[in-house]
Amino acid sequence: MDAFKHPLCSRLTATWLSGEGLNTHAEAYAARLTSRGYRPATIARYLSSLAHFTHWCELVGHELASVDDRQVDTFIRSHLPKCECASRCSRVSHNVAAALSHFFEGQRSWRRASHGPSALPSDVMEELSCYASYLLDVRGLALLTRGLYARHARDFLVRQFGSRPIRLCQVLPADVARFVRQRAAGWKPASIKALNTSLRSYFAFKASCGEQTTSLSAALPKVPLWRMSQLPKMLAPDDIDRLLRSYDRSKACGKRDYAIARCLIDLGLRRVEVSRLKLGDVNWREGVLHIASKGQRTDILPLPAATGEAIADYVRHGRPITTLREIFVRHNAPRNEPINVDLIRGAIRPAATRCGMQDRIAGTHILRHTLAGRLVQSGTPLKEIADLLRHRDLDTTTIYAKVDLPALARVCQPWPRRPS
């Protein structure tokens, strides 16, 4: 058995990571973390967590090459709280989860590079390739939406056909209903609706190829989801001011997060739209911002002065040296990478906690609702609000008409009295 050697490893970590083939993966893992700018202390902690997990896998009889999310979840939720493997084992669940996530992400990248994109049956791969072209060329859907639709279609095809040829004419409506019922057990209504929408899109694709899928679409179960049943949640102007004042703009991360908050509050951008903003998207001379929106569209929005000043302050005085063209980038490891949608959310939640609004601001969409509601209450026509929020369907914007309570009060009829 070859011993794993790394200057950041303890003797116990080195022992648990020693083994045929495992030490090579551990070395690649450490090198990957180093290349992405992680600090030595973080690398040592991650290697220790990986070693602990491999030791546990050996004890319970799991092969590391075949573990999935279920085993990782069992290790974190069930083993860590009562672990007696060694006194120095890390038992902080989020640190261990991050370490294992980085390791298996690297493993998946290596497998894709060495063995091809996946182990899916060839018929399923070919079908998904045609479906992906349809979603892009015909439907013009965004990347994240295409990925969601393709993932649900993949699960359906693998469940129904496995490695057999795909013949949708052999699928019965009961098969579709059974798949949704089993796949979405315990899901929230919005997630079930997303699964139904994905399958309905796939059936529409097959219908465009000449197959009969009307009965399959009709078999998708109805989901009770009343999106118009409540008033959209909004923040008062004083709450917005408190939120913006909570950022420490003397620090680089504070400048970045403040600029992100201004994009969300002043323009109602979606998280993914903020993460994709590039330096060339800002036309400083004309005072406009180019937004890569849904459906491969590019929209042009006016850039408010306060938003432009926040972005300029970050780009000039806070943005680290990077080869990227994205405006907002990571300041911590992994460096030289754009921020993702989770970091966009992370720019808002700590600020909400600092000003005591953590119970009201669970995500970023409330800022979009606040902008829309403020425009409605100021008398802005719904069509202009729809253009600003980049809604394809005006019906999507009408939900905000409910926040104009004074206007609603004028048309509200008195409740009929009981006859005496």
Protein backbone atom coordinates (compact mmCIF):
# COMPACT_ATOMS: atom_id res chain seq x y z
CA MET A 1 0.00 0.00 0.00
CA ASP A 2 1.45 3.35 -1.06
CA ALA A 3 1.30 6.01 1.64
CA PHE A 4 -0.36 9.28 0.75
CA LYS A 5 2.04 12.16 1.33
CA HIS A 6 1.09 15.81 1.45
CA PRO A 7 2.61 18.59 3.55
CA LEU A 8 -0.82 19.68 4.80
CA CYS A 9 -1.96 16.22 5.93
CA SER A 10 -1.87 14.85 9.43
CA ARG A 11 -0.62 11.32 9.98
CA LEU A 12 -4.18 10.00 10.42
CA THR A 13 -5.37 11.70 7.23
CA ALA A 14 -2.44 10.29 5.29
CA THR A 15 -3.18 6.81 6.62
CA TRP A 16 -6.87 6.90 5.70
CA LEU A 17 -6.09 8.24 2.22
CA SER A 18 -3.48 5.60 1.51
CA GLY A 19 -4.59 2.83 -0.75
CA GLU A 20 -4.45 1.55 -4.28
CA GLY A 21 -5.72 4.30 -6.55
CA LEU A 22 -7.10 6.46 -3.73
CA ASN A 23 -3.87 8.35 -3.11
CA THR A 24 -3.78 9.41 -6.76
CA HIS A 25 -7.29 10.87 -6.54
CA ALA A 26 -6.41 12.60 -3.26
CA GLU A 27 -3.32 14.16 -4.82
CA ALA A 28 -5.37 15.40 -7.78
CA TYR A 29 -7.97 16.75 -5.34
CA ALA A 30 -5.35 18.70 -3.37
CA ALA A 31 -3.79 20.05 -6.57
CA ARG A 32 -7.19 21.16 -7.84
CA LEU A 33 -7.94 23.05 -4.64
CA THR A 34 -4.50 24.69 -4.74
CA SER A 35 -4.94 25.80 -8.36
CA ARG A 36 -8.30 27.37 -7.52
CA GLY A 37 -6.79 29.56 -4.82
CA TYR A 38 -7.89 27.80 -1.61
CA ARG A 39 -5.87 28.55 1.49
CA PRO A 40 -3.61 25.85 2.97
CA ALA A 41 -5.74 25.59 6.13
CA THR A 42 -8.88 25.02 4.02
CA ILE A 43 -7.13 22.38 1.91
CA ALA A 44 -5.97 20.57 5.04
CA ARG A 45 -9.50 20.63 6.46
CA TYR A 46 -11.00 19.35 3.20
CA LEU A 47 -8.44 16.54 2.92
CA SER A 48 -9.20 15.53 6.50
CA SER A 49 -12.94 15.43 5.73
CA LEU A 50 -12.34 13.36 2.60
CA ALA A 51 -10.15 10.94 4.56
CA HIS A 52 -12.84 10.61 7.22
CA PHE A 53 -15.45 9.84 4.58
CA THR A 54 -13.28 7.21 2.87
CA HIS A 55 -12.61 5.60 6.26
CA TRP A 56 -16.34 5.44 6.97
CA CYS A 57 -17.02 3.98 3.51
CA GLU A 58 -14.50 1.22 4.24
CA LEU A 59 -16.14 0.48 7.60
CA VAL A 60 -19.65 0.16 6.19
CA GLY A 61 -18.60 -1.57 2.98
CA HIS A 62 -19.20 1.18 0.39
CA GLU A 63 -16.99 1.44 -2.67
CA LEU A 64 -15.91 5.07 -3.10
CA ALA A 65 -16.31 4.81 -6.88
CA SER A 66 -19.99 3.88 -6.55
CA VAL A 67 -21.21 6.16 -3.75
CA ASP A 68 -23.96 8.67 -4.50
CA ASP A 69 -25.79 11.47 -2.72
CA ARG A 70 -27.60 9.04 -0.45
CA GLN A 71 -24.40 7.73 1.11
CA VAL A 72 -23.01 11.25 1.48
CA ASP A 73 -26.25 12.36 3.16
CA THR A 74 -26.16 9.37 5.51
CA PHE A 75 -22.56 10.14 6.44
CA ILE A 76 -23.28 13.80 7.20
CA ARG A 77 -26.67 13.45 8.90
CA SER A 78 -26.31 10.12 10.70
CA HIS A 79 -22.62 9.41 11.21
CA LEU A 80 -21.13 12.82 12.03
CA PRO A 81 -23.33 13.61 15.08
CA LYS A 82 -22.25 10.37 16.80
CA CYS A 83 -18.83 9.85 15.21
CA GLU A 84 -16.16 8.14 17.31
CA CYS A 85 -13.65 7.47 14.53
CA ALA A 86 -11.03 9.88 15.91
CA SER A 87 -11.01 12.90 18.18
CA ARG A 88 -9.73 15.30 15.49
CA CYS A 89 -12.28 14.41 12.82
CA SER A 90 -14.19 17.42 11.57
CA ARG A 91 -17.85 17.17 12.54
CA VAL A 92 -19.00 20.54 11.16
CA SER A 93 -21.56 19.40 8.61
CA HIS A 94 -21.30 22.32 6.16
CA ASN A 95 -17.48 22.05 6.03
CA VAL A 96 -17.65 18.31 5.38
CA ALA A 97 -20.38 18.78 2.76
CA ALA A 98 -18.28 21.40 0.96
CA ALA A 99 -15.21 19.15 0.99
CA LEU A 100 -17.08 16.17 -0.46
CA SER A 101 -18.90 18.35 -3.00
CA HIS A 102 -15.57 19.62 -4.37
CA PHE A 103 -14.14 16.11 -4.47
CA PHE A 104 -17.03 14.53 -6.37
CA GLU A 105 -17.26 17.53 -8.69
CA GLY A 106 -13.65 16.89 -9.66
CA GLN A 107 -14.34 13.18 -10.07
CA ARG A 108 -17.24 13.85 -12.42
CA SER A 109 -15.12 16.21 -14.50
CA TRP A 110 -12.39 13.61 -14.77
CA ARG A 111 -14.84 10.89 -15.80
CA ARG A 112 -16.36 13.14 -18.47
CA ALA A 113 -12.93 13.88 -19.86
CA SER A 114 -11.79 10.24 -19.77
CA HIS A 115 -14.90 8.24 -20.53
CA GLY A 116 -17.30 10.53 -22.37
CA PRO A 117 -20.25 12.58 -21.18
CA SER A 118 -22.25 9.90 -19.34
CA ALA A 119 -23.18 6.26 -19.05
CA LEU A 120 -26.68 6.80 -20.44
CA PRO A 121 -27.94 4.34 -23.06
CA SER A 122 -27.13 5.44 -26.60
CA ASP A 123 -30.80 5.72 -27.60
CA VAL A 124 -31.51 8.01 -24.66
CA MET A 125 -28.46 10.13 -25.47
CA GLU A 126 -29.56 10.53 -29.08
CA GLU A 127 -33.12 11.40 -28.04
CA LEU A 128 -31.94 14.00 -25.54
CA SER A 129 -29.66 15.54 -28.16
CA CYS A 130 -32.61 16.01 -30.54
CA TYR A 131 -34.77 17.33 -27.71
CA ALA A 132 -32.05 19.82 -26.69
CA SER A 133 -31.89 21.14 -30.25
CA TYR A 134 -35.68 21.57 -30.24
CA LEU A 135 -35.59 23.51 -26.94
CA LEU A 136 -32.89 25.83 -28.26
CA ASP A 137 -33.80 26.30 -31.92
CA VAL A 138 -37.60 26.06 -31.78
CA ARG A 139 -38.52 27.14 -28.26
CA GLY A 140 -35.57 29.49 -27.69
CA LEU A 141 -35.42 28.65 -23.98
CA ALA A 142 -32.70 29.78 -21.60
CA LEU A 143 -29.84 27.48 -20.61
CA LEU A 144 -31.13 26.75 -17.10
CA THR A 145 -34.63 26.00 -18.37
CA ARG A 146 -33.28 23.69 -21.07
CA GLY A 147 -31.22 21.87 -18.46
CA LEU A 148 -34.23 21.39 -16.18
CA TYR A 149 -36.45 20.11 -18.99
CA ALA A 150 -33.76 17.74 -20.30
CA ARG A 151 -33.07 16.36 -16.82
CA HIS A 152 -36.72 15.46 -16.21
CA ALA A 153 -37.03 13.99 -19.72
CA ARG A 154 -33.89 11.92 -19.13
CA ASP A 155 -35.26 10.47 -15.89
CA PHE A 156 -38.54 9.62 -17.61
CA LEU A 157 -36.86 7.92 -20.57
CA VAL A 158 -34.46 5.92 -18.43
CA ARG A 159 -37.32 4.78 -16.19
CA GLN A 160 -39.58 3.78 -19.08
CA PHE A 161 -37.12 2.28 -21.54
CA GLY A 162 -33.73 1.73 -19.92
CA SER A 163 -31.42 0.49 -22.67
CA ARG A 164 -34.31 -0.52 -24.97
CA PRO A 165 -35.23 1.47 -28.09
CA ILE A 166 -37.44 4.49 -27.36
CA ARG A 167 -40.96 3.86 -28.64
CA LEU A 168 -43.32 6.36 -27.09
CA CYS A 169 -46.30 4.60 -28.63
CA GLN A 170 -45.77 1.83 -26.06
CA VAL A 171 -46.16 4.23 -23.11
CA LEU A 172 -49.60 4.31 -21.53
CA PRO A 173 -51.16 7.29 -19.73
CA ALA A 174 -51.04 5.23 -16.53
CA ASP A 175 -47.26 4.94 -16.94
CA VAL A 176 -46.94 8.72 -17.07
CA ALA A 177 -49.12 9.22 -13.99
CA ARG A 178 -47.20 6.52 -12.11
CA PHE A 179 -43.85 8.10 -12.98
CA VAL A 180 -44.90 11.53 -11.72
CA ARG A 181 -46.44 10.05 -8.57
CA GLN A 182 -43.29 8.09 -7.70
CA ARG A 183 -40.75 10.66 -8.85
CA ALA A 184 -42.36 13.61 -7.08
CA ALA A 185 -43.24 11.89 -3.80
CA GLY A 186 -42.74 14.46 -1.05
CA TRP A 187 -42.09 17.34 -3.45
CA LYS A 188 -43.62 20.79 -3.07
CA PRO A 189 -46.42 21.76 -5.49
CA ALA A 190 -44.16 24.17 -7.42
CA SER A 191 -41.58 21.42 -8.01
CA ILE A 192 -44.26 18.98 -9.17
CA LYS A 193 -45.60 21.61 -11.55
CA ALA A 194 -42.08 22.08 -12.96
CA LEU A 195 -41.85 18.32 -13.57
CA ASN A 196 -45.21 18.35 -15.35
CA THR A 197 -44.17 21.33 -17.47
CA SER A 198 -40.96 19.54 -18.47
CA LEU A 199 -42.77 16.36 -19.50
CA ARG A 200 -45.46 18.32 -21.32
CA SER A 201 -42.71 20.08 -23.27
CA TYR A 202 -41.13 16.74 -24.19
CA PHE A 203 -44.48 15.36 -25.34
CA ALA A 204 -44.98 18.51 -27.46
CA PHE A 205 -41.59 17.84 -29.03
CA LYS A 206 -42.62 14.29 -29.91
CA ALA A 207 -45.93 15.57 -31.27
CA SER A 208 -44.00 17.86 -33.59
CA CYS A 209 -42.27 14.72 -34.87
CA GLY A 210 -45.65 13.20 -35.78
CA GLU A 211 -46.34 11.05 -32.71
CA GLN A 212 -49.65 11.00 -30.83
CA THR A 213 -49.02 12.33 -27.31
CA THR A 214 -52.32 14.01 -26.43
CA SER A 215 -53.34 11.27 -23.99
CA LEU A 216 -49.90 11.30 -22.34
CA SER A 217 -50.07 15.05 -21.70
CA ALA A 218 -53.60 14.67 -20.36
CA ALA A 219 -52.36 12.02 -17.90
CA LEU A 220 -50.14 14.51 -16.08
CA PRO A 221 -51.76 15.06 -12.67
CA LYS A 222 -53.21 18.44 -11.82
CA VAL A 223 -51.31 20.35 -9.16
CA PRO A 224 -53.19 22.75 -6.85
CA LEU A 225 -51.03 25.86 -7.05
CA TRP A 226 -52.90 29.11 -6.60
CA ARG A 227 -50.30 31.74 -7.49
CA MET A 228 -52.83 34.63 -7.32
CA SER A 229 -54.22 33.76 -3.88
CA GLN A 230 -52.06 36.17 -1.84
CA LEU A 231 -50.64 39.65 -2.15
CA PRO A 232 -47.02 39.76 -3.40
CA LYS A 233 -44.63 40.40 -0.52
CA MET A 234 -43.03 43.83 -0.62
CA LEU A 235 -40.63 45.96 1.38
CA ALA A 236 -41.36 49.50 2.52
CA PRO A 237 -39.06 52.34 1.36
CA ASP A 238 -37.57 52.57 4.88
CA ASP A 239 -36.73 48.85 4.75
CA ILE A 240 -34.92 49.32 1.43
CA ASP A 241 -32.90 52.22 2.89
CA ARG A 242 -31.93 50.15 5.94
CA LEU A 243 -30.89 47.26 3.72
CA LEU A 244 -28.67 49.43 1.51
CA ARG A 245 -27.08 51.20 4.50
CA SER A 246 -26.05 47.85 6.01
CA TYR A 247 -23.27 47.29 3.44
CA ASP A 248 -19.70 48.18 4.40
CA ARG A 249 -18.64 49.95 1.22
CA SER A 250 -15.12 50.55 2.51
CA LYS A 251 -14.32 46.90 1.67
CA ALA A 252 -14.13 45.28 -1.75
CA CYS A 253 -16.77 42.63 -1.00
CA GLY A 254 -19.02 45.33 0.43
CA LYS A 255 -18.74 47.36 -2.77
CA ARG A 256 -19.59 44.28 -4.84
CA ASP A 257 -22.57 43.23 -2.73
CA TYR A 258 -23.90 46.79 -2.61
CA ALA A 259 -23.75 47.04 -6.41
CA ILE A 260 -25.53 43.69 -6.69
CA ALA A 261 -28.25 44.89 -4.31
CA ARG A 262 -28.74 48.04 -6.38
CA CYS A 263 -29.16 45.95 -9.56
CA LEU A 264 -31.82 43.86 -7.85
CA ILE A 265 -33.64 46.79 -6.22
CA ASP A 266 -33.43 49.48 -8.91
CA LEU A 267 -33.84 47.31 -12.02
CA GLY A 268 -35.64 44.22 -10.72
CA LEU A 269 -33.07 41.91 -12.32
CA ARG A 270 -33.18 38.18 -11.77
CA ARG A 271 -30.24 36.54 -10.00
CA VAL A 272 -29.01 34.79 -13.13
CA GLU A 273 -29.17 38.07 -15.05
CA VAL A 274 -26.95 39.78 -12.49
CA SER A 275 -24.45 36.92 -12.55
CA ARG A 276 -24.17 37.17 -16.35
CA LEU A 277 -23.58 40.93 -16.52
CA LYS A 278 -20.39 41.70 -18.43
CA LEU A 279 -18.29 44.83 -18.67
CA GLY A 280 -19.38 45.38 -22.24
CA ASP A 281 -23.06 45.29 -21.25
CA VAL A 282 -22.83 48.76 -19.70
CA ASN A 283 -23.04 51.67 -22.13
CA TRP A 284 -21.82 54.48 -19.92
CA ARG A 285 -22.16 57.16 -22.61
CA GLU A 286 -25.85 56.46 -23.25
CA GLY A 287 -26.67 55.33 -19.71
CA VAL A 288 -28.20 51.97 -20.62
CA LEU A 289 -27.64 48.36 -19.64
CA HIS A 290 -27.87 45.36 -21.99
CA ILE A 291 -29.50 42.36 -20.28
CA ALA A 292 -29.27 38.78 -21.52
CA SER A 293 -32.84 37.74 -20.68
CA LYS A 294 -34.88 34.58 -21.12
CA GLY A 295 -35.25 33.00 -24.52
CA GLN A 296 -31.94 34.26 -25.91
CA ARG A 297 -33.23 37.82 -25.92
CA THR A 298 -31.17 40.89 -25.18
CA ASP A 299 -33.09 43.72 -23.58
CA ILE A 300 -31.94 47.30 -23.08
CA LEU A 301 -32.80 49.01 -19.79
CA PRO A 302 -32.10 52.54 -18.60
CA LEU A 303 -29.31 52.57 -16.03
CA PRO A 304 -30.28 54.63 -12.94
CA ALA A 305 -27.58 56.97 -11.70
CA ALA A 306 -27.31 55.30 -8.27
CA THR A 307 -26.95 51.86 -9.85
CA GLY A 308 -24.32 53.05 -12.32
CA GLU A 309 -22.33 54.77 -9.56
CA ALA A 310 -22.35 51.58 -7.47
CA ILE A 311 -21.15 49.44 -10.39
CA ALA A 312 -18.46 51.97 -11.33
CA ASP A 313 -17.22 52.20 -7.73
CA TYR A 314 -16.88 48.41 -7.56
CA VAL A 315 -15.19 48.04 -10.96
CA ARG A 316 -12.69 50.82 -10.25
CA HIS A 317 -11.95 50.28 -6.57
CA GLY A 318 -13.12 46.80 -5.51
CA ARG A 319 -12.97 44.32 -8.39
CA PRO A 320 -9.88 42.08 -8.15
CA ILE A 321 -7.46 41.54 -11.03
CA THR A 322 -9.01 38.89 -13.25
CA THR A 323 -9.14 37.68 -16.84
CA LEU A 324 -12.94 37.51 -16.74
CA ARG A 325 -15.32 39.88 -18.51
CA GLU A 326 -18.12 39.36 -15.98
CA ILE A 327 -18.67 42.42 -13.80
CA PHE A 328 -19.13 40.54 -10.54
CA VAL A 329 -16.45 37.96 -9.69
CA ARG A 330 -15.43 35.85 -6.73
CA HIS A 331 -13.14 37.41 -4.13
CA ASN A 332 -12.41 34.14 -2.32
CA ALA A 333 -11.41 30.72 -3.60
CA PRO A 334 -12.03 29.50 -6.21
CA ARG A 335 -10.61 32.71 -7.64
CA ASN A 336 -10.81 34.04 -11.19
CA GLU A 337 -14.37 32.76 -11.52
CA PRO A 338 -17.66 34.64 -11.92
CA ILE A 339 -20.14 34.58 -9.09
CA ASN A 340 -23.09 32.22 -9.34
CA VAL A 341 -26.72 32.66 -8.33
CA ASP A 342 -26.03 31.36 -4.81
CA LEU A 343 -23.53 34.15 -4.21
CA ILE A 344 -26.08 36.65 -5.50
CA ARG A 345 -28.42 35.41 -2.79
CA GLY A 346 -25.50 35.52 -0.36
CA ALA A 347 -25.11 39.23 -1.04
CA ILE A 348 -28.65 39.87 0.27
CA ARG A 349 -29.27 37.46 3.13
CA PRO A 350 -26.43 38.62 5.44
CA ALA A 351 -27.49 42.22 4.88
CA ALA A 352 -31.08 41.29 5.82
CA THR A 353 -29.76 39.66 9.00
CA ARG A 354 -27.71 42.73 9.89
CA CYS A 355 -30.78 44.95 9.81
CA GLY A 356 -33.15 42.45 11.45
CA MET A 357 -35.17 41.50 8.37
CA GLN A 358 -34.01 37.89 7.96
CA ASP A 359 -37.56 36.61 8.48
CA ARG A 360 -38.91 38.82 5.69
CA ILE A 361 -36.14 38.49 3.10
CA ALA A 362 -35.65 34.79 2.45
CA GLY A 363 -34.45 35.32 -1.14
CA THR A 364 -33.95 37.99 -3.75
CA HIS A 365 -37.30 37.85 -5.56
CA ILE A 366 -38.95 40.05 -2.94
CA LEU A 367 -36.81 42.91 -4.28
CA ARG A 368 -38.26 42.37 -7.76
CA HIS A 369 -41.76 42.31 -6.24
CA THR A 370 -40.98 45.53 -4.37
CA LEU A 371 -39.94 47.36 -7.54
CA ALA A 372 -43.07 46.21 -9.38
CA GLY A 373 -45.36 47.13 -6.49
CA ARG A 374 -43.77 50.55 -6.12
CA LEU A 375 -44.31 51.26 -9.83
CA VAL A 376 -47.94 50.11 -9.67
CA GLN A 377 -48.66 52.33 -6.69
CA SER A 378 -47.07 55.30 -8.47
CA GLY A 379 -49.49 54.90 -11.39
CA THR A 380 -47.12 53.36 -13.94
CA PRO A 381 -49.08 51.44 -16.63
CA LEU A 382 -48.83 47.66 -16.42
CA LYS A 383 -47.42 47.48 -19.96
CA GLU A 384 -44.44 49.61 -18.96
CA ILE A 385 -43.89 47.50 -15.85
CA ALA A 386 -44.02 44.35 -17.97
CA ASP A 387 -41.38 45.83 -20.29
CA LEU A 388 -39.10 46.72 -17.38
CA LEU A 389 -39.45 43.28 -15.77
CA ARG A 390 -39.17 41.63 -19.22
CA HIS A 391 -42.36 39.58 -18.89
CA ARG A 392 -43.37 37.80 -22.07
CA ASP A 393 -47.02 37.65 -21.02
CA LEU A 394 -48.85 40.66 -19.62
CA ASP A 395 -50.90 38.28 -17.45
CA THR A 396 -47.74 37.66 -15.42
CA THR A 397 -47.62 41.35 -14.56
CA THR A 398 -51.27 41.61 -13.54
CA ILE A 399 -50.52 39.88 -10.25
CA TYR A 400 -49.03 43.19 -9.09
CA ALA A 401 -52.31 45.04 -9.70
CA LYS A 402 -53.45 43.68 -6.35
CA VAL A 403 -50.93 45.81 -4.45
CA ASP A 404 -52.66 49.05 -5.53
CA LEU A 405 -55.00 48.91 -2.56
CA PRO A 406 -56.38 52.50 -2.84
CA ALA A 407 -57.45 51.84 -6.45
CA LEU A 408 -59.02 48.52 -5.46
CA ALA A 409 -60.90 50.21 -2.62
CA ARG A 410 -62.55 52.58 -5.09
CA VAL A 411 -64.04 49.73 -7.13
CA CYS A 412 -64.90 47.49 -4.19
CA GLN A 413 -68.66 47.14 -3.64
CA PRO A 414 -70.10 47.11 -0.09
CA TRP A 415 -70.96 43.71 1.34
CA PRO A 416 -74.72 43.15 1.14
CA ARG A 417 -76.46 43.41 4.50
CA ARG A 418 -78.70 40.71 5.87
CA PRO A 419 -82.32 41.69 5.42
CA SER A 420 -83.98 42.68 8.67
